[in-house]
Amino acid sequence: MNHAQLIALGRALRVAGEHGQRLDDNAAAANAGEIRQDLERAFALLEEAVSTPNPITRCREHPNGPVDPDAFDGCLLCETRRRSGPLTPPPHSLGADDDVPPTRTLSQHGIRADQPQPQKRWIPEMWNGQSWQMCGMPRQSERDAEQYLEQLRHSSDAAAAYRLVYAFTDHQVLRVWGTPALTPRQPSDL
């Protein structure tokens, strides 16, 4: 019995049950024809449900359709439709102006033919004695990054040098505070 048959049979039985609650001596004779029709409808739905083969999939639309063991509902037809994604509009007609560019269609990753734009960031870095290392989160604003580095420079455990790196497609050092000096490696570091 599939889901639709189960729902229809439940409704028919509830209607027949309501007749049972309203039965009394006066109403029984007047409503006998209506009661008989409702019971026959419920019996016909039950007969159809019993004679229909058991569903193979858990799909409401294709209960006896082909099976895909990897699909969550087991339906190959619905899983194929889900995998193919949204339908694309048909190409523009042949009689249209060729000078007008075709409209862009949205994909799940954004608008086609658009390249992702590089992000503009200002990266604060500090000299750790041997190399430059990032010392804070990249900032969207140069002013915010400079204020952050200013706070670090005036802290009690300030590094020997700080710099601000502008990152947009490639990196470019904008400003350096202090002098980075290489510390000689100790024999124990090797």
Protein backbone atom coordinates (compact mmCIF):
# COMPACT_ATOMS: atom_id res chain seq x y z
CA MET A 1 0.00 0.00 0.00
CA ASN A 2 1.54 3.31 -1.03
CA HIS A 3 1.23 6.59 0.83
CA ALA A 4 -1.59 8.02 -1.32
CA GLN A 5 -3.68 4.87 -0.93
CA LEU A 6 -3.11 4.88 2.83
CA ILE A 7 -4.29 8.50 3.14
CA ALA A 8 -7.42 7.91 1.00
CA LEU A 9 -8.36 4.77 2.95
CA GLY A 10 -7.89 6.58 6.26
CA ARG A 11 -10.23 9.39 5.17
CA ALA A 12 -12.89 6.95 4.00
CA LEU A 13 -12.76 5.02 7.27
CA ARG A 14 -12.98 8.21 9.33
CA VAL A 15 -16.10 9.25 7.39
CA ALA A 16 -17.65 5.83 7.99
CA GLY A 17 -16.71 6.05 11.68
CA GLU A 18 -18.47 9.40 12.02
CA HIS A 19 -21.69 7.67 10.92
CA GLY A 20 -21.27 5.21 13.78
CA GLN A 21 -21.05 8.01 16.31
CA ARG A 22 -24.25 9.66 15.05
CA LEU A 23 -26.38 6.51 14.94
CA ASP A 24 -29.63 6.42 16.87
CA ASP A 25 -33.05 4.88 16.13
CA ASN A 26 -34.44 7.82 14.11
CA ALA A 27 -31.33 8.56 12.00
CA ALA A 28 -30.47 4.95 11.10
CA ALA A 29 -33.25 4.54 8.52
CA ALA A 30 -32.77 7.99 6.96
CA ASN A 31 -28.99 7.72 6.53
CA ALA A 32 -28.74 4.03 5.58
CA GLY A 33 -28.06 4.79 1.91
CA GLU A 34 -25.31 7.30 2.73
CA ILE A 35 -23.73 4.91 5.24
CA ARG A 36 -23.75 2.12 2.64
CA GLN A 37 -22.04 4.37 0.00
CA ASP A 38 -19.31 5.42 2.44
CA LEU A 39 -18.66 1.83 3.50
CA GLU A 40 -18.55 0.66 -0.15
CA ARG A 41 -16.07 3.47 -0.98
CA ALA A 42 -13.84 2.41 1.94
CA PHE A 43 -14.10 -1.26 0.89
CA ALA A 44 -13.19 -0.39 -2.74
CA LEU A 45 -10.15 1.60 -1.56
CA LEU A 46 -9.09 -1.31 0.66
CA GLU A 47 -9.51 -3.77 -2.23
CA GLU A 48 -7.39 -1.52 -4.51
CA ALA A 49 -4.69 -1.20 -1.85
CA VAL A 50 -4.53 -4.97 -1.31
CA SER A 51 -4.44 -5.79 -5.04
CA THR A 52 -1.71 -3.20 -5.81
CA PRO A 53 1.82 -4.60 -5.53
CA ASN A 54 3.90 -3.34 -2.63
CA PRO A 55 5.92 -0.23 -3.46
CA ILE A 56 9.56 -0.79 -4.29
CA THR A 57 10.70 2.76 -3.53
CA ARG A 58 9.73 5.28 -0.87
CA CYS A 59 8.89 7.83 -3.59
CA ARG A 60 5.31 9.16 -3.63
CA GLU A 61 5.48 9.92 -7.35
CA HIS A 62 7.06 6.63 -8.54
CA PRO A 63 6.36 3.95 -5.90
CA ASN A 64 6.97 1.09 -8.35
CA GLY A 65 9.61 2.84 -10.45
CA PRO A 66 13.25 1.83 -11.02
CA VAL A 67 15.44 1.63 -7.92
CA ASP A 68 18.61 3.60 -7.16
CA PRO A 69 20.22 2.20 -4.00
CA ASP A 70 22.19 5.43 -3.43
CA ALA A 71 19.11 7.71 -3.45
CA PHE A 72 17.60 8.56 -0.07
CA ASP A 73 14.10 7.60 -1.30
CA GLY A 74 15.31 4.79 -3.55
CA CYS A 75 13.81 6.31 -6.73
CA LEU A 76 16.10 6.38 -9.76
CA LEU A 77 13.84 8.77 -11.70
CA CYS A 78 13.72 11.43 -8.98
CA GLU A 79 17.42 11.06 -8.18
CA THR A 80 18.32 11.58 -11.85
CA ARG A 81 16.22 14.75 -11.89
CA ARG A 82 17.89 16.00 -8.69
CA ARG A 83 21.38 15.31 -10.05
CA SER A 84 20.72 17.09 -13.35
CA GLY A 85 19.95 20.33 -11.52
CA PRO A 86 17.60 23.11 -12.59
CA LEU A 87 16.49 23.31 -16.18
CA THR A 88 18.24 25.90 -18.32
CA PRO A 89 16.19 28.19 -20.54
CA PRO A 90 16.22 27.44 -24.28
CA PRO A 91 18.72 29.40 -26.40
CA HIS A 92 17.49 32.62 -27.97
CA SER A 93 15.63 32.31 -31.25
CA LEU A 94 17.41 32.60 -34.60
CA GLY A 95 15.52 35.77 -35.62
CA ALA A 96 16.70 37.80 -32.63
CA ASP A 97 19.24 40.61 -32.86
CA ASP A 98 22.79 39.27 -32.80
CA ASP A 99 24.04 42.55 -31.34
CA VAL A 100 22.20 41.96 -28.08
CA PRO A 101 24.26 39.79 -25.74
CA PRO A 102 22.45 36.77 -24.34
CA THR A 103 21.21 37.17 -20.79
CA ARG A 104 23.32 35.56 -18.13
CA THR A 105 21.83 32.69 -16.21
CA LEU A 106 22.38 32.01 -12.56
CA SER A 107 24.13 28.83 -11.59
CA GLN A 108 24.53 27.43 -8.10
CA HIS A 109 27.96 29.10 -7.94
CA GLY A 110 26.89 32.57 -9.06
CA ILE A 111 26.55 34.21 -12.45
CA ARG A 112 28.24 32.45 -15.32
CA ALA A 113 31.07 34.22 -17.13
CA ASP A 114 31.89 36.21 -14.01
CA GLN A 115 35.31 35.59 -12.56
CA PRO A 116 35.67 35.72 -8.79
CA GLN A 117 37.05 39.06 -7.77
CA PRO A 118 40.25 39.07 -5.71
CA GLN A 119 39.85 40.44 -2.23
CA LYS A 120 41.62 43.57 -1.15
CA ARG A 121 43.24 43.00 2.24
CA TRP A 122 45.82 44.61 4.48
CA ILE A 123 47.88 42.04 6.36
CA PRO A 124 49.77 43.08 9.52
CA GLU A 125 53.07 41.23 9.94
CA MET A 126 55.80 41.21 12.58
CA TRP A 127 59.46 40.24 12.47
CA ASN A 128 60.06 37.24 14.74
CA GLY A 129 63.86 37.41 14.47
CA GLN A 130 64.18 35.19 11.41
CA SER A 131 61.19 35.81 9.16
CA TRP A 132 58.02 37.84 8.77
CA GLN A 133 54.91 36.30 10.25
CA MET A 134 51.31 37.43 10.28
CA CYS A 135 50.46 38.92 13.66
CA GLY A 136 46.74 39.55 13.34
CA MET A 137 43.72 38.97 11.17
CA PRO A 138 43.82 40.51 7.68
CA ARG A 139 41.89 43.78 7.67
CA GLN A 140 39.55 45.19 5.01
CA SER A 141 40.63 48.76 5.79
CA GLU A 142 44.18 50.13 5.71
CA ARG A 143 43.36 52.53 8.54
CA ASP A 144 42.21 49.66 10.79
CA ALA A 145 45.38 47.68 10.05
CA GLU A 146 47.63 50.67 10.83
CA GLN A 147 45.81 51.33 14.11
CA TYR A 148 46.23 47.68 15.07
CA LEU A 149 49.98 47.80 14.32
CA GLU A 150 50.28 51.07 16.24
CA GLN A 151 48.81 49.35 19.32
CA LEU A 152 51.25 46.45 18.95
CA ARG A 153 54.24 48.76 18.57
CA HIS A 154 53.40 50.54 21.82
CA SER A 155 52.73 47.36 23.81
CA SER A 156 55.17 46.10 26.42
CA ASP A 157 56.20 43.03 24.39
CA ALA A 158 56.65 44.75 21.01
CA ALA A 159 58.55 42.98 18.24
CA ALA A 160 61.68 44.38 16.60
CA ALA A 161 59.79 45.39 13.45
CA TYR A 162 56.31 45.45 11.93
CA ARG A 163 55.13 45.85 8.39
CA LEU A 164 51.84 46.23 6.54
CA VAL A 165 51.34 44.14 3.40
CA TYR A 166 48.70 45.04 0.83
CA ALA A 167 47.28 41.88 -0.79
CA PHE A 168 45.32 42.13 -4.03
CA THR A 169 46.18 39.55 -6.71
CA ASP A 170 49.78 39.73 -5.46
CA HIS A 171 51.42 41.06 -2.30
CA GLN A 172 53.02 44.46 -2.01
CA VAL A 173 54.73 45.78 1.12
CA LEU A 174 53.40 49.25 1.84
CA ARG A 175 55.11 50.32 5.02
CA VAL A 176 57.68 48.97 7.48
CA TRP A 177 58.17 50.07 11.07
CA GLY A 178 61.50 49.22 12.71
CA THR A 179 64.51 47.37 11.34
CA PRO A 180 64.41 43.62 10.93
CA ALA A 181 67.77 42.12 11.85
CA LEU A 182 68.72 38.50 11.40
CA THR A 183 69.62 36.90 14.66
CA PRO A 184 72.56 34.53 14.37
CA ARG A 185 71.54 30.90 14.71
CA GLN A 186 72.82 29.09 17.71
CA PRO A 187 74.46 25.68 17.21
CA SER A 188 71.58 24.13 19.17
CA ASP A 189 69.08 25.42 16.50
CA LEU A 190 70.71 23.34 13.78
